Protein backbone atom coordinates (compact mmCIF):
# COMPACT_ATOMS: atom_id res chain seq x y z
CA MET A 1 85.37 79.03 187.99
CA LYS A 2 86.71 81.70 185.48
CA THR A 3 84.48 82.53 182.42
CA GLN A 4 87.73 83.15 180.13
CA LEU A 5 88.79 80.60 177.81
CA ILE A 6 92.38 79.37 177.90
CA ILE A 7 94.17 78.99 174.69
CA ILE A 8 97.52 77.01 174.51
CA PRO A 9 99.38 76.55 170.92
CA ALA A 10 101.72 73.54 171.50
CA TYR A 11 104.42 72.22 168.95
CA LYS A 12 106.45 69.45 170.21
CA PRO A 13 105.47 69.96 173.94
CA SER A 14 107.18 68.32 177.04
CA PRO A 15 104.89 66.14 179.17
CA SER A 16 104.85 69.19 181.71
CA LEU A 17 102.12 70.41 179.40
CA ILE A 18 99.79 67.96 180.99
CA LEU A 19 100.52 69.27 184.43
CA LEU A 20 99.82 72.71 183.38
CA CYS A 21 96.27 71.80 181.88
CA GLN A 22 95.61 69.89 185.04
CA ASN A 23 96.46 72.76 187.14
CA LEU A 24 94.41 75.47 184.94
CA GLY A 25 91.39 73.01 185.06
CA LYS A 26 91.05 73.91 188.69
CA HIS A 27 90.42 77.57 187.83
CA PHE A 28 88.87 77.48 184.23
CA GLN A 29 86.26 75.87 182.63
CA THR A 30 87.43 75.43 179.18
CA ILE A 31 91.28 74.92 178.01
CA ILE A 32 91.80 74.87 174.23
CA VAL A 33 95.03 73.05 173.15
CA VAL A 34 96.20 73.39 169.47
CA ASP A 35 98.46 70.65 168.65
CA ASP A 36 100.45 72.50 165.84
CA GLY A 37 101.61 69.35 163.84
CA SER A 38 103.94 67.83 166.53
CA GLY A 39 103.88 64.36 165.07
CA ASN A 40 103.39 60.94 166.46
CA LYS A 41 106.38 61.03 169.18
CA PHE A 42 104.30 63.41 171.04
CA ALA A 43 100.92 62.08 170.65
CA PRO A 44 101.08 60.39 174.19
CA VAL A 45 101.09 64.08 175.62
CA PHE A 46 98.08 64.93 173.41
CA GLN A 47 96.17 62.06 174.50
CA GLU A 48 96.44 62.41 178.02
CA ILE A 49 95.39 66.08 177.59
CA GLU A 50 92.22 64.71 175.47
CA LYS A 51 91.38 62.89 178.51
CA LEU A 52 90.77 65.94 180.51
CA ASP A 53 87.18 66.88 180.36
CA PHE A 54 87.64 70.56 180.42
CA CYS A 55 90.00 70.38 177.40
CA VAL A 56 89.39 70.86 173.71
CA LEU A 57 92.12 69.62 171.54
CA LEU A 58 92.32 70.96 168.10
CA ARG A 59 94.61 69.60 165.66
CA HIS A 60 97.20 70.66 162.54
CA TYR A 61 98.39 67.63 160.99
CA THR A 62 101.45 69.71 159.76
CA ASN A 63 103.16 72.56 161.48
CA MET A 64 101.50 75.58 160.60
CA GLY A 65 103.13 78.14 162.81
CA LYS A 66 102.19 79.61 166.26
CA GLY A 67 99.99 82.51 164.59
CA ARG A 68 98.07 79.96 162.69
CA ALA A 69 97.59 77.82 165.88
CA LEU A 70 96.31 80.69 167.71
CA LYS A 71 93.70 81.65 164.93
CA THR A 72 92.62 78.16 164.71
CA ALA A 73 91.69 78.41 168.51
CA PHE A 74 90.09 81.80 168.31
CA ASN A 75 87.84 80.57 165.26
CA TYR A 76 86.82 78.02 167.51
CA CYS A 77 85.91 80.35 170.21
CA LEU A 78 83.67 82.51 167.82
CA SER A 79 81.95 79.14 167.26
CA LEU A 80 80.57 78.89 170.66
CA GLU A 81 77.28 80.34 171.97
CA PRO A 82 77.11 84.11 172.47
CA GLY A 83 78.03 85.03 176.17
CA ALA A 84 79.66 81.65 176.74
CA ALA A 85 83.00 83.36 177.47
CA SER A 86 83.92 86.80 178.47
CA GLY A 87 87.47 86.61 176.69
CA ALA A 88 90.52 84.51 175.99
CA ILE A 89 93.77 84.14 177.62
CA THR A 90 96.64 82.99 175.38
CA VAL A 91 99.44 80.80 177.36
CA ASP A 92 102.53 79.38 175.95
CA ALA A 93 103.18 75.67 176.13
CA ASP A 94 106.83 76.01 177.13
CA GLY A 95 106.31 76.55 180.98
CA GLN A 96 107.31 80.18 180.73
CA HIS A 97 103.87 81.24 182.44
CA GLY A 98 102.94 80.44 186.00
CA ILE A 99 99.38 79.76 187.46
CA GLU A 100 99.75 82.66 189.64
CA ASP A 101 100.47 84.73 186.78
CA ILE A 102 97.74 83.49 184.33
CA LEU A 103 95.31 84.22 187.31
CA LYS A 104 96.46 87.69 187.53
CA ILE A 105 95.73 88.45 183.68
CA SER A 106 92.32 86.79 184.26
CA LYS A 107 91.64 89.17 187.16
CA ALA A 108 92.67 92.28 185.28
CA MET A 109 90.27 91.12 182.39
CA GLU A 110 87.17 91.31 185.04
CA SER A 111 87.55 95.17 185.31
CA SER A 112 89.36 96.13 182.06
CA ASN A 113 88.12 96.36 178.61
CA LYS A 114 91.80 96.35 177.12
CA LEU A 115 94.35 93.87 175.54
CA ILE A 116 96.09 92.66 178.62
CA LEU A 117 99.76 91.97 178.19
CA GLY A 118 101.73 89.75 180.69
CA CYS A 119 105.03 91.66 180.62
CA ARG A 120 108.09 89.90 181.63
CA SER A 121 111.58 91.77 182.98
CA PHE A 122 114.31 91.21 180.51
CA TYR A 123 117.05 92.31 183.21
CA ASP A 124 117.34 89.06 185.02
CA LYS A 125 120.31 87.18 184.78
CA ASN A 126 118.51 84.08 183.78
CA VAL A 127 116.98 85.76 180.61
CA PRO A 128 118.68 84.35 177.39
CA PHE A 129 120.85 87.06 175.58
CA ARG A 130 118.88 86.59 172.37
CA SER A 131 115.59 87.10 174.17
CA ARG A 132 116.74 90.34 176.11
CA PHE A 133 118.29 91.70 173.05
CA GLY A 134 115.45 90.90 170.63
CA ASN A 135 112.80 92.29 172.98
CA LYS A 136 114.59 95.64 173.61
CA LEU A 137 115.26 96.00 169.99
CA SER A 138 111.70 95.34 169.03
CA CYS A 139 110.44 97.48 171.84
CA LYS A 140 112.25 100.32 170.59
CA PHE A 141 111.42 99.80 166.93
CA TYR A 142 107.60 99.64 167.74
CA GLY A 143 107.46 102.43 170.11
CA TRP A 144 109.17 104.90 167.41
CA LEU A 145 107.57 103.43 164.07
CA CYS A 146 104.40 102.70 165.19
CA GLY A 147 103.56 104.38 168.25
CA ILE A 148 103.24 101.21 170.43
CA ASN A 149 104.96 101.52 173.48
CA VAL A 150 104.95 98.14 175.62
CA SER A 151 107.76 96.64 177.42
CA ASP A 152 107.28 93.26 176.04
CA THR A 153 106.12 93.03 172.34
CA GLN A 154 106.64 89.22 171.99
CA THR A 155 104.59 88.11 175.35
CA GLY A 156 102.60 84.99 174.50
CA LEU A 157 100.72 85.51 177.81
CA ARG A 158 97.81 87.89 176.68
CA GLY A 159 94.11 88.41 177.46
CA LEU A 160 91.77 89.32 174.79
CA PRO A 161 88.18 90.73 175.18
CA PHE A 162 85.89 88.62 173.45
CA GLY A 163 84.78 91.20 170.86
CA PHE A 164 88.55 91.72 169.70
CA ILE A 165 88.85 87.84 168.83
CA GLU A 166 87.07 88.20 165.52
CA THR A 167 89.63 90.89 164.60
CA ALA A 168 92.42 88.68 166.01
CA CYS A 169 91.24 86.00 163.48
CA CYS A 170 92.24 88.00 160.70
CA THR A 171 95.46 89.61 161.83
CA ALA A 172 98.30 88.79 159.35
CA GLY A 173 100.66 86.25 159.95
CA GLU A 174 101.24 82.54 160.69
CA ARG A 175 104.27 82.41 163.06
CA TYR A 176 105.92 84.42 165.58
CA GLU A 177 105.35 87.68 163.91
CA TYR A 178 101.47 87.03 164.15
CA GLU A 179 101.86 88.49 167.96
CA THR A 180 103.40 91.77 166.78
CA ASN A 181 100.91 91.90 164.08
CA MET A 182 98.10 91.53 166.63
CA LEU A 183 99.35 94.75 168.61
CA LEU A 184 99.19 96.80 165.29
CA ASP A 185 95.48 95.65 164.59
CA ALA A 186 94.58 96.31 168.34
CA LYS A 187 96.09 99.89 167.86
CA GLU A 188 94.36 100.54 164.67
CA HIS A 189 91.06 99.28 166.14
CA GLY A 190 91.51 101.82 169.15
CA LEU A 191 91.90 98.79 171.83
CA ASP A 192 94.33 100.03 174.69
CA PHE A 193 96.93 97.98 175.98
CA LEU A 194 97.18 97.18 179.79
CA GLU A 195 100.63 95.68 181.05
CA ILE A 196 100.58 93.47 183.95
CA PRO A 197 104.22 92.30 185.55
CA ILE A 198 104.78 88.48 185.40
CA GLN A 199 107.62 86.49 186.45
CA THR A 200 110.56 85.77 184.04
CA ILE A 201 110.66 81.87 183.60
CA TYR A 202 113.05 80.32 181.28
CA GLU A 203 114.04 76.73 181.27
CA LYS A 204 118.05 75.96 181.25
CA GLY A 205 118.83 76.47 177.42
CA ASN A 206 115.33 77.04 176.71
CA PRO A 207 114.78 73.73 175.00
CA THR A 208 110.98 73.88 174.52
CA SER A 209 111.21 77.15 172.62
CA HIS A 210 110.90 76.78 168.81
CA PHE A 211 111.88 80.49 168.04
CA ASN A 212 114.22 80.72 165.06
CA PRO A 213 116.39 83.83 166.05
CA LEU A 214 117.02 84.41 162.24
CA LYS A 215 113.91 83.37 160.41
CA ASP A 216 111.40 84.51 162.84
CA SER A 217 113.34 87.68 163.71
CA LEU A 218 113.23 88.52 159.83
CA ARG A 219 109.49 87.84 159.83
CA ILE A 220 108.86 90.01 162.62
CA TYR A 221 110.80 93.09 161.55
CA THR A 222 109.44 92.88 157.88
CA VAL A 223 106.35 94.01 159.64
CA LEU A 224 108.43 97.04 160.89
CA PHE A 225 110.24 97.69 157.42
CA LYS A 226 106.94 97.79 155.52
CA TYR A 227 106.20 101.37 157.42
CA SER A 228 109.35 102.55 155.57
CA LEU A 229 108.76 101.18 152.10
CA SER A 230 106.21 103.84 150.91
CA SER A 231 108.94 106.43 152.04
CA LEU A 232 111.68 104.66 150.10
CA ILE A 233 109.64 104.64 147.05
CA SER A 234 108.69 108.10 147.10
CA THR A 235 112.45 109.03 147.95
CA LEU A 236 113.43 107.16 144.73
CA ILE A 237 110.99 109.26 142.79
CA ASP A 238 112.17 112.46 144.16
CA TYR A 239 115.93 111.67 143.48
CA ILE A 240 115.24 110.82 139.97
CA VAL A 241 113.04 113.85 139.32
CA PHE A 242 115.72 116.06 141.13
CA PHE A 243 118.55 114.71 139.37
CA MET A 244 116.67 114.93 136.06
CA LEU A 245 116.15 118.59 136.28
CA THR A 246 119.42 119.72 137.60
CA ALA A 247 121.79 117.40 135.53
CA GLY A 248 120.57 118.78 132.16
CA ASN A 249 121.01 122.31 130.68
CA MET A 250 117.87 123.62 132.09
CA ASP A 251 117.92 127.05 133.52
CA ILE A 252 116.27 125.74 136.90
CA SER A 253 117.37 126.49 140.41
CA ILE A 254 118.14 123.99 143.21
CA LEU A 255 115.15 125.36 145.22
CA GLN A 256 112.80 124.80 142.07
CA ALA A 257 114.05 121.65 141.22
CA THR A 258 113.51 120.65 144.94
CA TYR A 259 109.92 121.68 144.94
CA LEU A 260 109.00 120.00 141.88
CA ALA A 261 110.47 116.80 142.81
CA ARG A 262 109.10 116.96 146.07
CA GLY A 263 105.78 117.71 144.54
CA CYS A 264 105.84 114.52 142.41
CA SER A 265 106.96 112.23 145.23
CA SER A 266 104.54 113.54 147.57
CA LEU A 267 101.44 112.60 145.34
CA VAL A 268 102.75 108.81 145.53
CA ASN A 269 103.63 109.03 149.23
CA PHE A 270 100.46 110.54 150.33
CA GLY A 271 98.16 107.78 148.91
CA ILE A 272 100.39 104.89 149.83
CA ASN A 273 100.94 106.52 153.48
CA ARG A 274 97.07 107.00 153.93
CA LYS A 275 95.65 103.80 152.70
CA LYS A 276 98.56 101.35 153.34
CA VAL A 277 101.33 102.42 155.96
CA PHE A 278 99.12 104.50 158.42
CA LYS A 279 95.58 103.30 157.39
CA SER A 280 94.17 106.59 158.62
CA ASN A 281 90.29 107.16 158.52
CA SER A 282 90.20 110.93 159.36
CA HIS A 283 89.05 113.66 156.97
CA LEU A 284 91.04 113.47 153.81
CA PHE A 285 91.08 117.38 153.01
CA ASN A 286 92.41 118.07 156.61
CA GLN A 287 95.12 115.35 155.93
CA LEU A 288 95.88 116.88 152.54
CA VAL A 289 96.44 120.56 154.10
CA LYS A 290 98.76 119.06 156.83
CA TYR A 291 100.51 116.84 154.70
CA PHE A 292 101.38 119.38 151.70
CA MET A 293 102.41 121.86 154.65
CA LEU A 294 104.75 119.33 155.63
CA VAL A 295 106.04 119.03 151.99
CA ILE A 296 106.56 122.68 151.68
CA LEU A 297 108.46 122.82 155.02
CA SER A 298 110.42 119.65 154.22
CA GLY A 299 111.16 120.89 150.68
CA THR A 300 112.57 124.33 152.08
CA VAL A 301 114.64 122.91 154.81
CA SER A 302 116.17 120.33 152.31
CA ALA A 303 116.92 123.08 149.68
CA PHE A 304 118.58 125.50 151.77
CA SER A 305 120.46 122.84 153.84
CA ILE A 306 121.70 121.52 150.41
CA LEU A 307 122.66 125.05 149.09
CA PHE A 308 124.50 125.63 152.57
CA ILE A 309 126.35 122.14 152.50
CA THR A 310 127.49 122.76 148.86
CA SER A 311 128.63 126.24 149.02
CA THR A 312 130.14 125.98 152.43
CA LEU A 313 131.74 122.59 152.40
CA GLY A 314 132.40 122.15 148.47
CA ILE A 315 130.38 118.99 148.64
CA SER A 316 128.73 117.81 145.49
CA GLN A 317 124.90 118.12 145.22
CA VAL A 318 124.42 114.38 145.03
CA PHE A 319 126.15 113.69 148.20
CA ALA A 320 124.53 116.49 149.97
CA LYS A 321 121.05 115.68 148.82
CA ILE A 322 121.66 111.93 150.05
CA PHE A 323 122.83 113.24 153.69
CA VAL A 324 119.92 115.55 154.12
CA GLU A 325 117.29 113.71 152.88
CA PHE A 326 118.53 110.81 155.30
CA LEU A 327 117.92 113.16 158.14
CA LEU A 328 114.73 114.43 156.98
CA TYR A 329 113.54 110.64 156.21
CA PHE A 330 113.07 110.06 160.04
CA ALA A 331 111.88 113.40 160.70
CA ASN A 332 108.90 113.41 158.30
CA TYR A 333 108.00 109.74 159.19
CA TYR A 334 107.58 111.05 162.84
CA ILE A 335 105.58 114.01 161.97
CA GLN A 336 103.25 111.94 159.57
CA ARG A 337 102.45 109.40 162.27
CA ILE A 338 101.69 111.81 165.02
CA TYR A 339 100.27 114.58 163.33
CA VAL A 340 99.45 114.36 159.52
CA PHE A 341 97.86 110.77 159.56
CA ALA A 342 96.82 110.37 163.05
CA SER A 343 93.42 108.83 162.93
CA LYS A 344 90.27 110.05 164.39
CA ASP A 345 89.05 108.16 167.56
CA ASN A 346 88.04 104.78 166.34
CA LYS A 347 87.56 103.02 169.64
CA LYS A 348 85.15 100.12 169.78
CA ASN A 349 83.37 98.30 172.49
CA PHE A 350 84.89 94.89 172.53
CA MET A 351 82.99 93.31 175.24
């Protein structure tokens, strides 16, 4: 029998969940099912599951979200005796994960100390458009903004080394955004990813899925947009100082105004980015040197670009500044992520 724990968060599941648990019980010693406030109508399903000797049923009496249900199960895992399990495999309750794919994740965990992701193919015709579009978009955003390059950011089939479960208990998010936050925490703690191809299974109409395309997508992308908030704040400071210096009768050039504005905004930007955005633990002095080299380079490019645009095209300084800074915004973010605030090696042993 497998030593990994199976975790199934369930909200208003179909009776097929009983069969899934029965089949999993042939391969795994312990299956943890979390009833996430499904209500009395679904009590018979959970009553049957509770009769299975290898199943542990945990309950939320109100719906608290998939993320919270997973954390409830992870917290239970930590209460077990040390060495009782080598890790945990999360499985969706809606029938999207076949037994053979769950066993593939289990086998990969036996020889790998990574976060195992069961990744679906989104090119199949039976994949709902909202799932195909949402996954492709989130993969692009997470790849560029966060440096997380996986093909399925929202997969619910995951294998977690036991040592990472404590970290997963503290990951932010209560609903579907939790799963993408877990990827961020894994990356921050130096835990590598291993993708295992799995079947792409969707019921017709996807009736048992409780993913709300609008609400849950906003939660997921709020996580992404927080990486841009620091730059937006510093950009606002940069604009205010720049226009205050150039709008008055002060005898100051565009180049001087740009450097002064960039210097003020960079102090704020550096502090926020280091602690809140990139959460970097590398040497402070080295990062300061790299950061202000980027500030000087960026400021020089900005100033000469504005001068060129205003003198050649006759566009006002305001619009020239907006256009130039819009382009530099993305370039600066990318350079900060891969060079300035690249964390030192912080890999841990999650066994």
